[in-house]
Protein backbone atom coordinates (compact mmCIF):
# COMPACT_ATOMS: atom_id res chain seq x y z
CA MET A 1 60.92 -2.78 -43.42
CA SER A 2 60.69 -3.03 -47.19
CA ALA A 3 57.34 -1.22 -47.18
CA LEU A 4 58.77 1.47 -44.91
CA LEU A 5 61.78 1.84 -47.15
CA ASP A 6 59.34 2.39 -50.01
CA GLY A 7 57.45 4.96 -47.92
CA ASP A 8 54.29 2.82 -47.82
CA LEU A 9 53.01 3.37 -44.26
CA SER A 10 49.70 1.70 -44.99
CA GLU A 11 51.30 -1.58 -46.10
CA ALA A 12 53.91 -1.46 -43.35
CA GLY A 13 51.19 -0.97 -40.76
CA ARG A 14 49.12 -3.79 -42.23
CA VAL A 15 52.09 -6.19 -42.05
CA ALA A 16 53.09 -5.02 -38.56
CA GLY A 17 49.52 -5.09 -37.25
CA VAL A 18 49.79 -1.55 -35.83
CA ALA A 19 49.40 1.96 -37.21
CA LEU A 20 52.75 3.56 -37.97
CA THR A 21 53.48 7.27 -38.19
CA GLU A 22 55.57 9.43 -40.50
CA TYR A 23 58.42 8.96 -38.00
CA PHE A 24 58.99 5.56 -39.61
CA VAL A 25 59.63 7.00 -43.06
CA THR A 26 62.00 9.87 -42.24
CA ASP A 27 65.36 9.90 -44.02
CA ARG A 28 67.05 8.65 -40.83
CA ALA A 29 64.54 5.80 -40.43
CA ARG A 30 64.85 4.79 -44.08
CA TRP A 31 68.62 4.63 -43.69
CA LEU A 32 68.08 2.21 -40.77
CA TRP A 33 65.60 0.02 -42.69
CA ARG A 34 68.03 -0.29 -45.63
CA PHE A 35 70.94 -1.10 -43.33
CA ARG A 36 68.98 -3.76 -41.41
CA LEU A 37 67.50 -5.30 -44.58
CA ASP A 38 71.02 -5.65 -45.97
CA GLN A 39 72.12 -7.34 -42.72
CA MET A 40 69.22 -9.78 -42.87
CA ALA A 41 69.83 -10.53 -46.55
CA ALA A 42 73.43 -11.44 -45.70
CA ASP A 43 72.35 -13.55 -42.69
CA PRO A 44 68.60 -14.27 -42.32
CA GLY A 45 69.24 -15.69 -38.84
CA GLN A 46 69.79 -12.14 -37.59
CA ALA A 47 66.17 -11.16 -38.22
CA ARG A 48 64.94 -11.97 -34.71
CA TRP A 49 67.47 -9.49 -33.29
CA MET A 50 66.59 -6.60 -35.55
CA VAL A 51 64.56 -3.49 -34.92
CA ARG A 52 60.88 -3.67 -33.99
CA GLN A 53 58.18 -1.17 -33.17
CA ALA A 54 58.01 0.07 -29.58
CA VAL A 55 54.32 -0.41 -28.75
CA VAL A 56 52.55 0.56 -25.53
CA GLY A 57 49.05 0.06 -24.16
CA ASP A 58 46.07 -1.96 -25.23
CA GLN A 59 45.43 0.30 -28.21
CA GLY A 60 48.83 -0.54 -29.75
CA LEU A 61 50.25 2.98 -29.60
CA VAL A 62 53.56 2.96 -31.48
CA VAL A 63 55.98 5.38 -29.80
CA GLY A 64 59.18 4.50 -31.65
CA HIS A 65 61.41 1.59 -32.57
CA ALA A 66 64.04 -0.48 -30.80
CA GLY A 67 66.16 -3.56 -31.19
CA PHE A 68 69.66 -4.89 -31.40
CA HIS A 69 72.37 -4.29 -33.96
CA GLY A 70 72.56 -8.05 -34.40
CA PRO A 71 72.86 -11.24 -32.38
CA PRO A 72 75.50 -11.60 -29.65
CA ASP A 73 79.02 -11.67 -31.06
CA GLU A 74 81.69 -14.29 -30.25
CA ALA A 75 82.32 -12.62 -26.88
CA GLY A 76 78.61 -12.49 -26.03
CA MET A 77 78.21 -8.75 -26.61
CA VAL A 78 74.94 -7.46 -28.03
CA GLU A 79 74.43 -3.79 -28.89
CA ILE A 80 71.12 -2.02 -28.39
CA GLY A 81 69.49 0.75 -30.36
CA TYR A 82 66.26 2.63 -29.69
CA SER A 83 64.50 5.76 -30.81
CA VAL A 84 61.34 7.44 -29.55
CA ALA A 85 59.28 9.65 -31.85
CA PRO A 86 59.47 13.34 -30.90
CA GLY A 87 55.83 13.57 -29.77
CA PHE A 88 56.40 10.81 -27.21
CA ARG A 89 59.69 11.91 -25.72
CA ARG A 90 60.15 12.83 -22.04
CA GLN A 91 57.33 10.50 -21.00
CA GLY A 92 59.38 7.47 -19.86
CA TYR A 93 59.02 5.47 -23.07
CA ALA A 94 62.77 5.32 -23.75
CA ARG A 95 63.45 3.94 -20.26
CA SER A 96 60.64 1.39 -20.67
CA THR A 97 62.04 0.40 -24.05
CA LEU A 98 65.52 0.05 -22.58
CA THR A 99 64.11 -2.12 -19.78
CA GLU A 100 62.57 -4.46 -22.36
CA LEU A 101 65.78 -4.61 -24.41
CA LEU A 102 67.76 -5.51 -21.29
CA ARG A 103 65.16 -8.14 -20.37
CA ARG A 104 65.44 -9.66 -23.86
CA ALA A 105 69.24 -9.75 -23.66
CA ALA A 106 69.15 -11.33 -20.19
CA ALA A 107 66.91 -14.11 -21.54
CA GLU A 108 69.45 -15.05 -24.23
CA PRO A 109 72.00 -17.54 -22.85
CA SER A 110 74.70 -16.46 -25.34
CA ALA A 111 74.42 -12.76 -24.39
CA THR A 112 76.82 -11.78 -21.62
CA THR A 113 77.21 -8.04 -22.20
CA VAL A 114 74.86 -5.31 -23.43
CA ARG A 115 76.44 -2.32 -25.16
CA ALA A 116 75.04 1.15 -25.84
CA THR A 117 76.93 3.69 -27.95
CA ILE A 118 75.84 7.29 -27.52
CA SER A 119 76.99 10.59 -28.97
CA PRO A 120 78.44 12.79 -26.20
CA GLY A 121 75.92 15.49 -27.12
CA ASN A 122 72.89 13.21 -26.83
CA VAL A 123 71.92 14.30 -23.32
CA ALA A 124 68.56 12.49 -23.46
CA SER A 125 70.10 9.08 -24.23
CA LEU A 126 72.83 9.59 -21.66
CA ALA A 127 70.11 10.29 -19.08
CA THR A 128 68.08 7.30 -20.28
CA ILE A 129 70.83 4.77 -19.53
CA SER A 130 71.69 6.26 -16.14
CA GLY A 131 70.52 4.05 -13.32
CA PHE A 132 70.76 0.89 -15.39
CA GLY A 133 74.33 0.04 -14.38
CA PHE A 134 76.02 0.96 -17.66
CA VAL A 135 79.72 1.75 -17.34
CA GLU A 136 81.72 3.81 -19.82
CA VAL A 137 84.32 1.53 -21.44
CA GLY A 138 85.68 3.67 -24.27
CA GLU A 139 84.95 5.65 -27.41
CA GLN A 140 84.50 4.90 -31.07
CA TRP A 141 83.97 6.70 -34.35
CA ASP A 142 80.77 5.85 -36.20
CA GLU A 143 80.58 6.75 -39.89
CA GLU A 144 76.91 7.69 -39.53
CA ASP A 145 76.86 9.28 -36.06
CA GLY A 146 80.44 10.50 -35.47
CA ARG A 147 82.09 10.24 -32.04
CA GLU A 148 80.31 7.92 -29.64
CA ILE A 149 80.90 6.93 -26.03
CA VAL A 150 80.72 3.18 -25.49
CA PHE A 151 78.85 1.91 -22.42
CA GLU A 152 78.39 -1.68 -21.26
CA VAL A 153 76.47 -3.57 -18.61
CA PRO A 154 76.36 -7.31 -17.84
CA ALA A 155 73.41 -8.95 -19.60
CA ARG A 156 72.32 -10.64 -16.37
CA ARG A 157 72.61 -8.15 -13.55
CA GLY A 158 70.77 -9.87 -10.72
CA PRO A 159 67.43 -9.11 -9.08
CA SER A 160 68.44 -5.89 -7.32
CA ALA A 161 69.85 -4.20 -10.42
CA GLY A 162 67.83 -1.76 -12.51
CA PRO A 163 66.70 1.82 -12.62
């Protein structure tokens, strides 16, 4: 993340072991890397929950990034975040990424609830979570993203749940 924050795609790719695209050094992405680095500096134990590359196939094609906003809180809630690069959208990668995030949360004994917060105008993300059992539980105001709808689903949904 430090290399990405510095705009050094070559070094970031070397450390990550995959080739990264300009999508990882946009202003929005750099804001995320700074925010997550600050979180990890305050609590290094959060690192395993932070954002990672979304990689598909044997060739290590990086289609975006995904992760959690941090470890489960006191109530067992963990919030997800994901983003697919524009050239890879509308190909099922967001749903696959969401599936993996939900799988990761289900494997964590302390996680009981998975949360997704989505801007009401983000039609693609609203469509992505449909079919996964998310239920609207409220709204919130995010300083970075504005008004968001809050959705939650149990971390362990049982074998018949899913898209």
